[in-house]
PDB file of N, CA and C in Angstrom:
ATOM      1  N   MET A   1       0.290  15.393  -4.752  1.00  0.00           N
ATOM      2  CA  MET A   1      -0.338  14.990  -3.510  1.00  0.00           C
ATOM      3  C   MET A   1      -1.029  16.210  -2.909  1.00  0.00           C
ATOM      4  N   THR A   2      -2.132  15.982  -2.246  1.00  0.00           N
ATOM      5  CA  THR A   2      -2.861  17.078  -1.632  1.00  0.00           C
ATOM      6  C   THR A   2      -2.664  17.072  -0.126  1.00  0.00           C
ATOM      7  N   THR A   3      -2.968  18.161   0.495  1.00  0.00           N
ATOM      8  CA  THR A   3      -2.900  18.236   1.950  1.00  0.00           C
ATOM      9  C   THR A   3      -3.898  17.274   2.582  1.00  0.00           C
ATOM     10  N   ARG A   4      -4.972  16.985   1.901  1.00  0.00           N
ATOM     11  CA  ARG A   4      -5.975  16.059   2.439  1.00  0.00           C
ATOM     12  C   ARG A   4      -5.372  14.710   2.795  1.00  0.00           C
ATOM     13  N   LEU A   5      -4.521  14.156   1.927  1.00  0.00           N
ATOM     14  CA  LEU A   5      -3.879  12.882   2.214  1.00  0.00           C
ATOM     15  C   LEU A   5      -3.031  12.970   3.464  1.00  0.00           C
ATOM     16  N   VAL A   6      -2.240  14.003   3.592  1.00  0.00           N
ATOM     17  CA  VAL A   6      -1.384  14.154   4.759  1.00  0.00           C
ATOM     18  C   VAL A   6      -2.224  14.276   6.014  1.00  0.00           C
ATOM     19  N   ASN A   7      -3.296  15.056   5.945  1.00  0.00           N
ATOM     20  CA  ASN A   7      -4.142  15.191   7.116  1.00  0.00           C
ATOM     21  C   ASN A   7      -4.810  13.881   7.474  1.00  0.00           C
ATOM     22  N   LEU A   8      -5.170  13.095   6.479  1.00  0.00           N
ATOM     23  CA  LEU A   8      -5.761  11.795   6.764  1.00  0.00           C
ATOM     24  C   LEU A   8      -4.773  10.920   7.513  1.00  0.00           C
ATOM     25  N   VAL A   9      -3.545  10.863   7.037  1.00  0.00           N
ATOM     26  CA  VAL A   9      -2.532  10.054   7.706  1.00  0.00           C
ATOM     27  C   VAL A   9      -2.265  10.586   9.103  1.00  0.00           C
ATOM     28  N   ALA A  10      -2.074  11.894   9.220  1.00  0.00           N
ATOM     29  CA  ALA A  10      -1.807  12.470  10.531  1.00  0.00           C
ATOM     30  C   ALA A  10      -2.980  12.197  11.465  1.00  0.00           C
ATOM     31  N   ASP A  11      -4.205  12.385  10.985  1.00  0.00           N
ATOM     32  CA  ASP A  11      -5.363  12.114  11.820  1.00  0.00           C
ATOM     33  C   ASP A  11      -5.474  10.635  12.155  1.00  0.00           C
ATOM     34  N   ALA A  12      -5.168   9.779  11.193  1.00  0.00           N
ATOM     35  CA  ALA A  12      -5.261   8.343  11.434  1.00  0.00           C
ATOM     36  C   ALA A  12      -4.302   7.907  12.521  1.00  0.00           C
ATOM     37  N   LEU A  13      -3.118   8.485  12.549  1.00  0.00           N
ATOM     38  CA  LEU A  13      -2.111   8.100  13.522  1.00  0.00           C
ATOM     39  C   LEU A  13      -2.162   8.927  14.799  1.00  0.00           C
ATOM     40  N   GLY A  14      -2.887  10.026  14.783  1.00  0.00           N
ATOM     41  CA  GLY A  14      -2.878  10.937  15.921  1.00  0.00           C
ATOM     42  C   GLY A  14      -1.610  11.784  15.943  1.00  0.00           C
ATOM     43  N   TRP A  15      -0.950  11.903  14.790  1.00  0.00           N
ATOM     44  CA  TRP A  15       0.292  12.664  14.673  1.00  0.00           C
ATOM     45  C   TRP A  15      -0.004  14.081  14.212  1.00  0.00           C
ATOM     46  N   LYS A  16       1.001  14.940  14.302  1.00  0.00           N
ATOM     47  CA  LYS A  16       0.856  16.336  13.909  1.00  0.00           C
ATOM     48  C   LYS A  16       1.758  16.650  12.714  1.00  0.00           C
ATOM     49  N   VAL A  17       1.283  17.531  11.851  1.00  0.00           N
ATOM     50  CA  VAL A  17       2.115  18.043  10.766  1.00  0.00           C
ATOM     51  C   VAL A  17       3.146  18.966  11.409  1.00  0.00           C
ATOM     52  N   THR A  18       4.442  18.667  11.184  1.00  0.00           N
ATOM     53  CA  THR A  18       5.505  19.456  11.798  1.00  0.00           C
ATOM     54  C   THR A  18       6.286  20.287  10.791  1.00  0.00           C
ATOM     55  N   PHE A  19       6.092  20.029   9.523  1.00  0.00           N
ATOM     56  CA  PHE A  19       6.786  20.777   8.474  1.00  0.00           C
ATOM     57  C   PHE A  19       5.938  20.705   7.225  1.00  0.00           C
ATOM     58  N   GLU A  20       5.787  21.846   6.557  1.00  0.00           N
ATOM     59  CA  GLU A  20       4.980  21.838   5.342  1.00  0.00           C
ATOM     60  C   GLU A  20       5.452  22.916   4.382  1.00  0.00           C
ATOM     61  N   THR A  21       5.775  22.486   3.170  1.00  0.00           N
ATOM     62  CA  THR A  21       6.063  23.404   2.071  1.00  0.00           C
ATOM     63  C   THR A  21       5.264  22.912   0.879  1.00  0.00           C
ATOM     64  N   ARG A  22       5.425  23.598  -0.219  1.00  0.00           N
ATOM     65  CA  ARG A  22       4.758  23.184  -1.452  1.00  0.00           C
ATOM     66  C   ARG A  22       5.295  21.845  -1.947  1.00  0.00           C
ATOM     67  N   HIS A  23       6.502  21.484  -1.534  1.00  0.00           N
ATOM     68  CA  HIS A  23       7.170  20.301  -2.060  1.00  0.00           C
ATOM     69  C   HIS A  23       7.221  19.116  -1.101  1.00  0.00           C
ATOM     70  N   GLU A  24       6.927  19.314   0.167  1.00  0.00           N
ATOM     71  CA  GLU A  24       6.920  18.187   1.096  1.00  0.00           C
ATOM     72  C   GLU A  24       6.188  18.534   2.380  1.00  0.00           C
ATOM     73  N   VAL A  25       5.711  17.482   3.030  1.00  0.00           N
ATOM     74  CA  VAL A  25       5.016  17.611   4.307  1.00  0.00           C
ATOM     75  C   VAL A  25       5.526  16.512   5.211  1.00  0.00           C
ATOM     76  N   ALA A  26       5.840  16.869   6.460  1.00  0.00           N
ATOM     77  CA  ALA A  26       6.300  15.881   7.440  1.00  0.00           C
ATOM     78  C   ALA A  26       5.282  15.785   8.559  1.00  0.00           C
ATOM     79  N   VAL A  27       5.034  14.565   9.016  1.00  0.00           N
ATOM     80  CA  VAL A  27       4.206  14.325  10.193  1.00  0.00           C
ATOM     81  C   VAL A  27       5.035  13.533  11.183  1.00  0.00           C
ATOM     82  N   GLU A  28       4.823  13.813  12.487  1.00  0.00           N
ATOM     83  CA  GLU A  28       5.604  13.153  13.524  1.00  0.00           C
ATOM     84  C   GLU A  28       4.699  12.699  14.657  1.00  0.00           C
ATOM     85  N   PRO A  29       5.137  11.632  15.354  1.00  0.00           N
ATOM     86  CA  PRO A  29       4.342  11.147  16.481  1.00  0.00           C
ATOM     87  C   PRO A  29       4.397  12.131  17.640  1.00  0.00           C
ATOM     88  N   PRO A  30       3.400  12.078  18.521  1.00  0.00           N
ATOM     89  CA  PRO A  30       3.440  12.927  19.711  1.00  0.00           C
ATOM     90  C   PRO A  30       4.673  12.590  20.551  1.00  0.00           C
ATOM     91  N   ALA A  31       5.153  13.541  21.311  1.00  0.00           N
ATOM     92  CA  ALA A  31       6.306  13.319  22.177  1.00  0.00           C
ATOM     93  C   ALA A  31       6.068  12.115  23.074  1.00  0.00           C
ATOM     94  N   GLY A  32       7.076  11.267  23.180  1.00  0.00           N
ATOM     95  CA  GLY A  32       6.981  10.084  24.025  1.00  0.00           C
ATOM     96  C   GLY A  32       6.331   8.884  23.358  1.00  0.00           C
ATOM     97  N   THR A  33       5.875   9.036  22.106  1.00  0.00           N
ATOM     98  CA  THR A  33       5.255   7.943  21.367  1.00  0.00           C
ATOM     99  C   THR A  33       6.277   7.360  20.402  1.00  0.00           C
ATOM    100  N   PRO A  34       6.422   6.033  20.383  1.00  0.00           N
ATOM    101  CA  PRO A  34       7.377   5.456  19.440  1.00  0.00           C
ATOM    102  C   PRO A  34       6.954   5.709  17.998  1.00  0.00           C
ATOM    103  N   GLY A  35       7.922   5.815  17.134  1.00  0.00           N
ATOM    104  CA  GLY A  35       7.649   5.999  15.724  1.00  0.00           C
ATOM    105  C   GLY A  35       8.667   6.923  15.089  1.00  0.00           C
ATOM    106  N   ILE A  36       8.748   6.852  13.783  1.00  0.00           N
ATOM    107  CA  ILE A  36       9.650   7.718  13.049  1.00  0.00           C
ATOM    108  C   ILE A  36       8.818   8.693  12.235  1.00  0.00           C
ATOM    109  N   PRO A  37       9.331   9.895  12.009  1.00  0.00           N
ATOM    110  CA  PRO A  37       8.580  10.855  11.196  1.00  0.00           C
ATOM    111  C   PRO A  37       8.346  10.310   9.787  1.00  0.00           C
ATOM    112  N   LEU A  38       7.241  10.694   9.189  1.00  0.00           N
ATOM    113  CA  LEU A  38       6.935  10.350   7.809  1.00  0.00           C
ATOM    114  C   LEU A  38       6.956  11.627   6.983  1.00  0.00           C
ATOM    115  N   VAL A  39       7.577  11.568   5.820  1.00  0.00           N
ATOM    116  CA  VAL A  39       7.631  12.717   4.916  1.00  0.00           C
ATOM    117  C   VAL A  39       6.927  12.329   3.626  1.00  0.00           C
ATOM    118  N   PHE A  40       6.050  13.189   3.159  1.00  0.00           N
ATOM    119  CA  PHE A  40       5.295  12.956   1.938  1.00  0.00           C
ATOM    120  C   PHE A  40       5.691  14.002   0.907  1.00  0.00           C
ATOM    121  N   VAL A  41       5.890  13.549  -0.314  1.00  0.00           N
ATOM    122  CA  VAL A  41       6.221  14.452  -1.417  1.00  0.00           C
ATOM    123  C   VAL A  41       5.223  14.214  -2.534  1.00  0.00           C
ATOM    124  N   PRO A  42       4.892  15.253  -3.293  1.00  0.00           N
ATOM    125  CA  PRO A  42       3.924  15.074  -4.370  1.00  0.00           C
ATOM    126  C   PRO A  42       4.498  14.278  -5.533  1.00  0.00           C
ATOM    127  N   VAL A  43       3.634  13.540  -6.181  1.00  0.00           N
ATOM    128  CA  VAL A  43       3.978  12.796  -7.389  1.00  0.00           C
ATOM    129  C   VAL A  43       3.005  13.256  -8.458  1.00  0.00           C
ATOM    130  N   PRO A  44       3.515  13.709  -9.601  1.00  0.00           N
ATOM    131  CA  PRO A  44       2.614  14.288 -10.600  1.00  0.00           C
ATOM    132  C   PRO A  44       1.726  13.268 -11.313  1.00  0.00           C
ATOM    133  N   ASP A  45       2.098  11.999 -11.290  1.00  0.00           N
ATOM    134  CA  ASP A  45       1.352  10.983 -12.023  1.00  0.00           C
ATOM    135  C   ASP A  45       0.259  10.365 -11.167  1.00  0.00           C
ATOM    136  N   ALA A  46      -0.800   9.926 -11.816  1.00  0.00           N
ATOM    137  CA  ALA A  46      -1.862   9.209 -11.122  1.00  0.00           C
ATOM    138  C   ALA A  46      -1.356   7.829 -10.713  1.00  0.00           C
ATOM    139  N   LYS A  47      -1.946   7.256  -9.687  1.00  0.00           N
ATOM    140  CA  LYS A  47      -1.572   5.924  -9.227  1.00  0.00           C
ATOM    141  C   LYS A  47      -1.890   4.895 -10.312  1.00  0.00           C
ATOM    142  N   THR A  48      -0.890   4.072 -10.663  1.00  0.00           N
ATOM    143  CA  THR A  48      -1.102   3.035 -11.676  1.00  0.00           C
ATOM    144  C   THR A  48      -0.623   1.666 -11.205  1.00  0.00           C
ATOM    145  N   VAL A  49       0.106   1.612 -10.092  1.00  0.00           N
ATOM    146  CA  VAL A  49       0.632   0.352  -9.562  1.00  0.00           C
ATOM    147  C   VAL A  49       0.314   0.301  -8.078  1.00  0.00           C
ATOM    148  N   PRO A  50       0.467  -0.878  -7.458  1.00  0.00           N
ATOM    149  CA  PRO A  50       0.228  -0.956  -6.008  1.00  0.00           C
ATOM    150  C   PRO A  50       1.132   0.013  -5.232  1.00  0.00           C
ATOM    151  N   ASN A  51       0.691   0.338  -4.023  1.00  0.00           N
ATOM    152  CA  ASN A  51       1.467   1.246  -3.174  1.00  0.00           C
ATOM    153  C   ASN A  51       2.897   0.764  -3.018  1.00  0.00           C
ATOM    154  N   ARG A  52       3.828   1.701  -2.975  1.00  0.00           N
ATOM    155  CA  ARG A  52       5.202   1.338  -2.633  1.00  0.00           C
ATOM    156  C   ARG A  52       5.358   1.247  -1.126  1.00  0.00           C
ATOM    157  N   VAL A  53       4.502   1.931  -0.401  1.00  0.00           N
ATOM    158  CA  VAL A  53       4.469   1.857   1.056  1.00  0.00           C
ATOM    159  C   VAL A  53       3.028   1.580   1.453  1.00  0.00           C
ATOM    160  N   HIS A  54       2.852   0.644   2.356  1.00  0.00           N
ATOM    161  CA  HIS A  54       1.509   0.272   2.824  1.00  0.00           C
ATOM    162  C   HIS A  54       1.510   0.393   4.340  1.00  0.00           C
ATOM    163  N   LEU A  55       0.654   1.244   4.880  1.00  0.00           N
ATOM    164  CA  LEU A  55       0.590   1.417   6.326  1.00  0.00           C
ATOM    165  C   LEU A  55      -0.307   0.367   6.952  1.00  0.00           C
ATOM    166  N   ASP A  56       0.177  -0.227   8.044  1.00  0.00           N
ATOM    167  CA  ASP A  56      -0.625  -1.096   8.896  1.00  0.00           C
ATOM    168  C   ASP A  56      -0.767  -0.382  10.233  1.00  0.00           C
ATOM    169  N   LEU A  57      -1.990  -0.057  10.613  1.00  0.00           N
ATOM    170  CA  LEU A  57      -2.237   0.625  11.869  1.00  0.00           C
ATOM    171  C   LEU A  57      -2.674  -0.402  12.901  1.00  0.00           C
ATOM    172  N   ALA A  58      -1.927  -0.513  13.994  1.00  0.00           N
ATOM    173  CA  ALA A  58      -2.213  -1.500  15.037  1.00  0.00           C
ATOM    174  C   ALA A  58      -3.327  -1.001  15.953  1.00  0.00           C
ATOM    175  N   SER A  59      -4.108  -1.942  16.460  1.00  0.00           N
ATOM    176  CA  SER A  59      -5.189  -1.620  17.391  1.00  0.00           C
ATOM    177  C   SER A  59      -4.992  -2.413  18.673  1.00  0.00           C
ATOM    178  N   PRO A  60      -5.133  -1.767  19.820  1.00  0.00           N
ATOM    179  CA  PRO A  60      -4.962  -2.489  21.087  1.00  0.00           C
ATOM    180  C   PRO A  60      -6.165  -3.346  21.472  1.00  0.00           C
ATOM    181  N   SER A  61      -7.318  -3.107  20.840  1.00  0.00           N
ATOM    182  CA  SER A  61      -8.527  -3.866  21.184  1.00  0.00           C
ATOM    183  C   SER A  61      -9.490  -3.822  19.999  1.00  0.00           C
ATOM    184  N   ALA A  62     -10.490  -4.698  20.043  1.00  0.00           N
ATOM    185  CA  ALA A  62     -11.514  -4.706  19.000  1.00  0.00           C
ATOM    186  C   ALA A  62     -12.283  -3.381  18.987  1.00  0.00           C
ATOM    187  N   GLU A  63     -12.515  -2.829  20.167  1.00  0.00           N
ATOM    188  CA  GLU A  63     -13.235  -1.560  20.259  1.00  0.00           C
ATOM    189  C   GLU A  63     -12.424  -0.427  19.637  1.00  0.00           C
ATOM    190  N   ALA A  64     -11.109  -0.413  19.910  1.00  0.00           N
ATOM    191  CA  ALA A  64     -10.237   0.620  19.350  1.00  0.00           C
ATOM    192  C   ALA A  64     -10.160   0.484  17.836  1.00  0.00           C
ATOM    193  N   GLN A  65     -10.123  -0.746  17.338  1.00  0.00           N
ATOM    194  CA  GLN A  65     -10.093  -0.971  15.898  1.00  0.00           C
ATOM    195  C   GLN A  65     -11.369  -0.428  15.260  1.00  0.00           C
ATOM    196  N   ALA A  66     -12.514  -0.756  15.822  1.00  0.00           N
ATOM    197  CA  ALA A  66     -13.791  -0.289  15.273  1.00  0.00           C
ATOM    198  C   ALA A  66     -13.872   1.233  15.290  1.00  0.00           C
ATOM    199  N   ALA A  67     -13.391   1.856  16.365  1.00  0.00           N
ATOM    200  CA  ALA A  67     -13.422   3.315  16.467  1.00  0.00           C
ATOM    201  C   ALA A  67     -12.507   3.948  15.424  1.00  0.00           C
ATOM    202  N   LEU A  68     -11.313   3.372  15.211  1.00  0.00           N
ATOM    203  CA  LEU A  68     -10.392   3.917  14.226  1.00  0.00           C
ATOM    204  C   LEU A  68     -10.943   3.763  12.813  1.00  0.00           C
ATOM    205  N   VAL A  69     -11.513   2.609  12.508  1.00  0.00           N
ATOM    206  CA  VAL A  69     -12.118   2.410  11.184  1.00  0.00           C
ATOM    207  C   VAL A  69     -13.234   3.432  10.970  1.00  0.00           C
ATOM    208  N   ALA A  70     -14.072   3.630  11.964  1.00  0.00           N
ATOM    209  CA  ALA A  70     -15.167   4.605  11.838  1.00  0.00           C
ATOM    210  C   ALA A  70     -14.620   6.010  11.620  1.00  0.00           C
ATOM    211  N   ARG A  71     -13.569   6.374  12.354  1.00  0.00           N
ATOM    212  CA  ARG A  71     -12.980   7.708  12.207  1.00  0.00           C
ATOM    213  C   ARG A  71     -12.386   7.888  10.816  1.00  0.00           C
ATOM    214  N   LEU A  72     -11.697   6.855  10.317  1.00  0.00           N
ATOM    215  CA  LEU A  72     -11.103   6.953   8.984  1.00  0.00           C
ATOM    216  C   LEU A  72     -12.176   7.046   7.902  1.00  0.00           C
ATOM    217  N   LEU A  73     -13.267   6.311   8.056  1.00  0.00           N
ATOM    218  CA  LEU A  73     -14.371   6.414   7.100  1.00  0.00           C
ATOM    219  C   LEU A  73     -14.949   7.821   7.110  1.00  0.00           C
ATOM    220  N   ASP A  74     -15.082   8.418   8.297  1.00  0.00           N
ATOM    221  CA  ASP A  74     -15.570   9.793   8.397  1.00  0.00           C
ATOM    222  C   ASP A  74     -14.624  10.784   7.724  1.00  0.00           C
ATOM    223  N   LEU A  75     -13.310  10.454   7.706  1.00  0.00           N
ATOM    224  CA  LEU A  75     -12.309  11.323   7.087  1.00  0.00           C
ATOM    225  C   LEU A  75     -12.225  11.137   5.576  1.00  0.00           C
ATOM    226  N   GLY A  76     -12.992  10.177   5.024  1.00  0.00           N
ATOM    227  CA  GLY A  76     -13.005  10.004   3.579  1.00  0.00           C
ATOM    228  C   GLY A  76     -12.435   8.695   3.071  1.00  0.00           C
ATOM    229  N   ALA A  77     -11.993   7.813   3.960  1.00  0.00           N
ATOM    230  CA  ALA A  77     -11.502   6.503   3.528  1.00  0.00           C
ATOM    231  C   ALA A  77     -12.682   5.658   3.037  1.00  0.00           C
ATOM    232  N   THR A  78     -12.370   4.661   2.200  1.00  0.00           N
ATOM    233  CA  THR A  78     -13.399   3.738   1.727  1.00  0.00           C
ATOM    234  C   THR A  78     -12.890   2.309   1.872  1.00  0.00           C
ATOM    235  N   PRO A  79     -13.768   1.354   2.163  1.00  0.00           N
ATOM    236  CA  PRO A  79     -13.358  -0.051   2.227  1.00  0.00           C
ATOM    237  C   PRO A  79     -12.939  -0.536   0.843  1.00  0.00           C
ATOM    238  N   VAL A  80     -11.903  -1.362   0.782  1.00  0.00           N
ATOM    239  CA  VAL A  80     -11.447  -1.916  -0.494  1.00  0.00           C
ATOM    240  C   VAL A  80     -11.122  -3.387  -0.342  1.00  0.00           C
ATOM    241  N   ASP A  81     -11.207  -4.086  -1.452  1.00  0.00           N
ATOM    242  CA  ASP A  81     -10.820  -5.490  -1.510  1.00  0.00           C
ATOM    243  C   ASP A  81      -9.575  -5.578  -2.375  1.00  0.00           C
ATOM    244  N   ILE A  82      -8.456  -5.935  -1.754  1.00  0.00           N
ATOM    245  CA  ILE A  82      -7.197  -6.082  -2.490  1.00  0.00           C
ATOM    246  C   ILE A  82      -6.799  -7.552  -2.543  1.00  0.00           C
ATOM    247  N   GLY A  83      -7.804  -8.422  -2.377  1.00  0.00           N
ATOM    248  CA  GLY A  83      -7.537  -9.847  -2.386  1.00  0.00           C
ATOM    249  C   GLY A  83      -7.087 -10.365  -1.042  1.00  0.00           C
ATOM    250  N   GLN A  84      -7.464  -9.662   0.015  1.00  0.00           N
ATOM    251  CA  GLN A  84      -7.003 -10.030   1.347  1.00  0.00           C
ATOM    252  C   GLN A  84      -7.681 -11.264   1.917  1.00  0.00           C
ATOM    253  N   GLY A  85      -8.769 -11.703   1.330  1.00  0.00           N
ATOM    254  CA  GLY A  85      -9.460 -12.874   1.868  1.00  0.00           C
ATOM    255  C   GLY A  85     -10.053 -12.584   3.228  1.00  0.00           C
ATOM    256  N   SER A  86     -10.045 -13.568   4.097  1.00  0.00           N
ATOM    257  CA  SER A  86     -10.636 -13.401   5.432  1.00  0.00           C
ATOM    258  C   SER A  86      -9.527 -13.138   6.450  1.00  0.00           C
ATOM    259  N   VAL A  87      -8.976 -11.948   6.391  1.00  0.00           N
ATOM    260  CA  VAL A  87      -7.937 -11.557   7.335  1.00  0.00           C
ATOM    261  C   VAL A  87      -8.568 -10.905   8.543  1.00  0.00           C
ATOM    262  N   SER A  88      -7.818 -10.839   9.602  1.00  0.00           N
ATOM    263  CA  SER A  88      -8.284 -10.224  10.834  1.00  0.00           C
ATOM    264  C   SER A  88      -7.903  -8.749  10.832  1.00  0.00           C
ATOM    265  N   GLY A  89      -8.676  -7.963  10.144  1.00  0.00           N
ATOM    266  CA  GLY A  89      -8.405  -6.540  10.037  1.00  0.00           C
ATOM    267  C   GLY A  89      -9.271  -5.951   8.948  1.00  0.00           C
ATOM    268  N   THR A  90      -9.147  -4.642   8.757  1.00  0.00           N
ATOM    269  CA  THR A  90      -9.942  -3.937   7.760  1.00  0.00           C
ATOM    270  C   THR A  90      -9.010  -3.225   6.795  1.00  0.00           C
ATOM    271  N   VAL A  91      -9.252  -3.397   5.498  1.00  0.00           N
ATOM    272  CA  VAL A  91      -8.454  -2.710   4.477  1.00  0.00           C
ATOM    273  C   VAL A  91      -9.269  -1.535   3.958  1.00  0.00           C
ATOM    274  N   LEU A  92      -8.639  -0.368   3.973  1.00  0.00           N
ATOM    275  CA  LEU A  92      -9.274   0.858   3.519  1.00  0.00           C
ATOM    276  C   LEU A  92      -8.378   1.525   2.483  1.00  0.00           C
ATOM    277  N   ALA A  93      -8.947   2.463   1.735  1.00  0.00           N
ATOM    278  CA  ALA A  93      -8.173   3.306   0.830  1.00  0.00           C
ATOM    279  C   ALA A  93      -8.439   4.756   1.197  1.00  0.00           C
ATOM    280  N   ASP A  94      -7.385   5.557   1.165  1.00  0.00           N
ATOM    281  CA  ASP A  94      -7.561   6.982   1.416  1.00  0.00           C
ATOM    282  C   ASP A  94      -8.223   7.612   0.179  1.00  0.00           C
ATOM    283  N   PRO A  95      -8.547   8.901   0.225  1.00  0.00           N
ATOM    284  CA  PRO A  95      -9.238   9.515  -0.909  1.00  0.00           C
ATOM    285  C   PRO A  95      -8.480   9.444  -2.234  1.00  0.00           C
ATOM    286  N   GLU A  96      -7.169   9.217  -2.203  1.00  0.00           N
ATOM    287  CA  GLU A  96      -6.401   9.091  -3.440  1.00  0.00           C
ATOM    288  C   GLU A  96      -6.210   7.641  -3.867  1.00  0.00           C
ATOM    289  N   GLY A  97      -6.803   6.695  -3.121  1.00  0.00           N
ATOM    290  CA  GLY A  97      -6.734   5.294  -3.502  1.00  0.00           C
ATOM    291  C   GLY A  97      -5.590   4.504  -2.901  1.00  0.00           C
ATOM    292  N   ASN A  98      -4.829   5.095  -1.980  1.00  0.00           N
ATOM    293  CA  ASN A  98      -3.729   4.388  -1.329  1.00  0.00           C
ATOM    294  C   ASN A  98      -4.275   3.514  -0.215  1.00  0.00           C
ATOM    295  N   GLU A  99      -3.945   2.224  -0.260  1.00  0.00           N
ATOM    296  CA  GLU A  99      -4.488   1.285   0.709  1.00  0.00           C
ATOM    297  C   GLU A  99      -3.747   1.341   2.038  1.00  0.00           C
ATOM    298  N   LEU A 100      -4.461   1.033   3.115  1.00  0.00           N
ATOM    299  CA  LEU A 100      -3.894   0.878   4.439  1.00  0.00           C
ATOM    300  C   LEU A 100      -4.742  -0.132   5.185  1.00  0.00           C
ATOM    301  N   CYS A 101      -4.148  -0.756   6.199  1.00  0.00           N
ATOM    302  CA  CYS A 101      -4.868  -1.753   6.990  1.00  0.00           C
ATOM    303  C   CYS A 101      -5.012  -1.268   8.413  1.00  0.00           C
ATOM    304  N   VAL A 102      -6.170  -1.514   9.001  1.00  0.00           N
ATOM    305  CA  VAL A 102      -6.378  -1.305  10.430  1.00  0.00           C
ATOM    306  C   VAL A 102      -6.436  -2.707  11.007  1.00  0.00           C
ATOM    307  N   LEU A 103      -5.347  -3.097  11.673  1.00  0.00           N
ATOM    308  CA  LEU A 103      -5.194  -4.456  12.161  1.00  0.00           C
ATOM    309  C   LEU A 103      -6.009  -4.707  13.414  1.00  0.00           C
ATOM    310  N   SER A 104      -6.421  -5.952  13.590  1.00  0.00           N
ATOM    311  CA  SER A 104      -7.079  -6.370  14.813  1.00  0.00           C
ATOM    312  C   SER A 104      -6.055  -6.450  15.926  1.00  0.00           C
ATOM    313  N   ALA A 105      -6.529  -6.422  17.157  1.00  0.00           N
ATOM    314  CA  ALA A 105      -5.631  -6.560  18.308  1.00  0.00           C
ATOM    315  C   ALA A 105      -4.899  -7.896  18.214  1.00  0.00           C
ATOM    316  N   ARG A 106      -3.638  -7.874  18.541  1.00  0.00           N
ATOM    317  CA  ARG A 106      -2.832  -9.106  18.460  1.00  0.00           C
ATOM    318  C   ARG A 106      -2.357  -9.505  19.823  1.00  0.00           C
TER     319      ARG A 106
END
């Protein structure tokens, strides 16, 4: 895994990298924000199966969703079709091909 993936996730969530070694990286939500820390570890093999973890990023409004999708695209994400059909949200892949969803306001 590269630092780019971790930075994409941290940037996508607005979280900060709080721990980083050659073997793992942790990101945590800002103080007072709900959420649990995420820890990423490198995997030497290329992706060959669907994600074991799939992030769904919630949006409080249509405008916030559009802004987040635009920001993620600027960070290197790409739109993907994983057979989602006509869902209310946007499916993207990070630069390593890991899918995530930016959900519409609910």
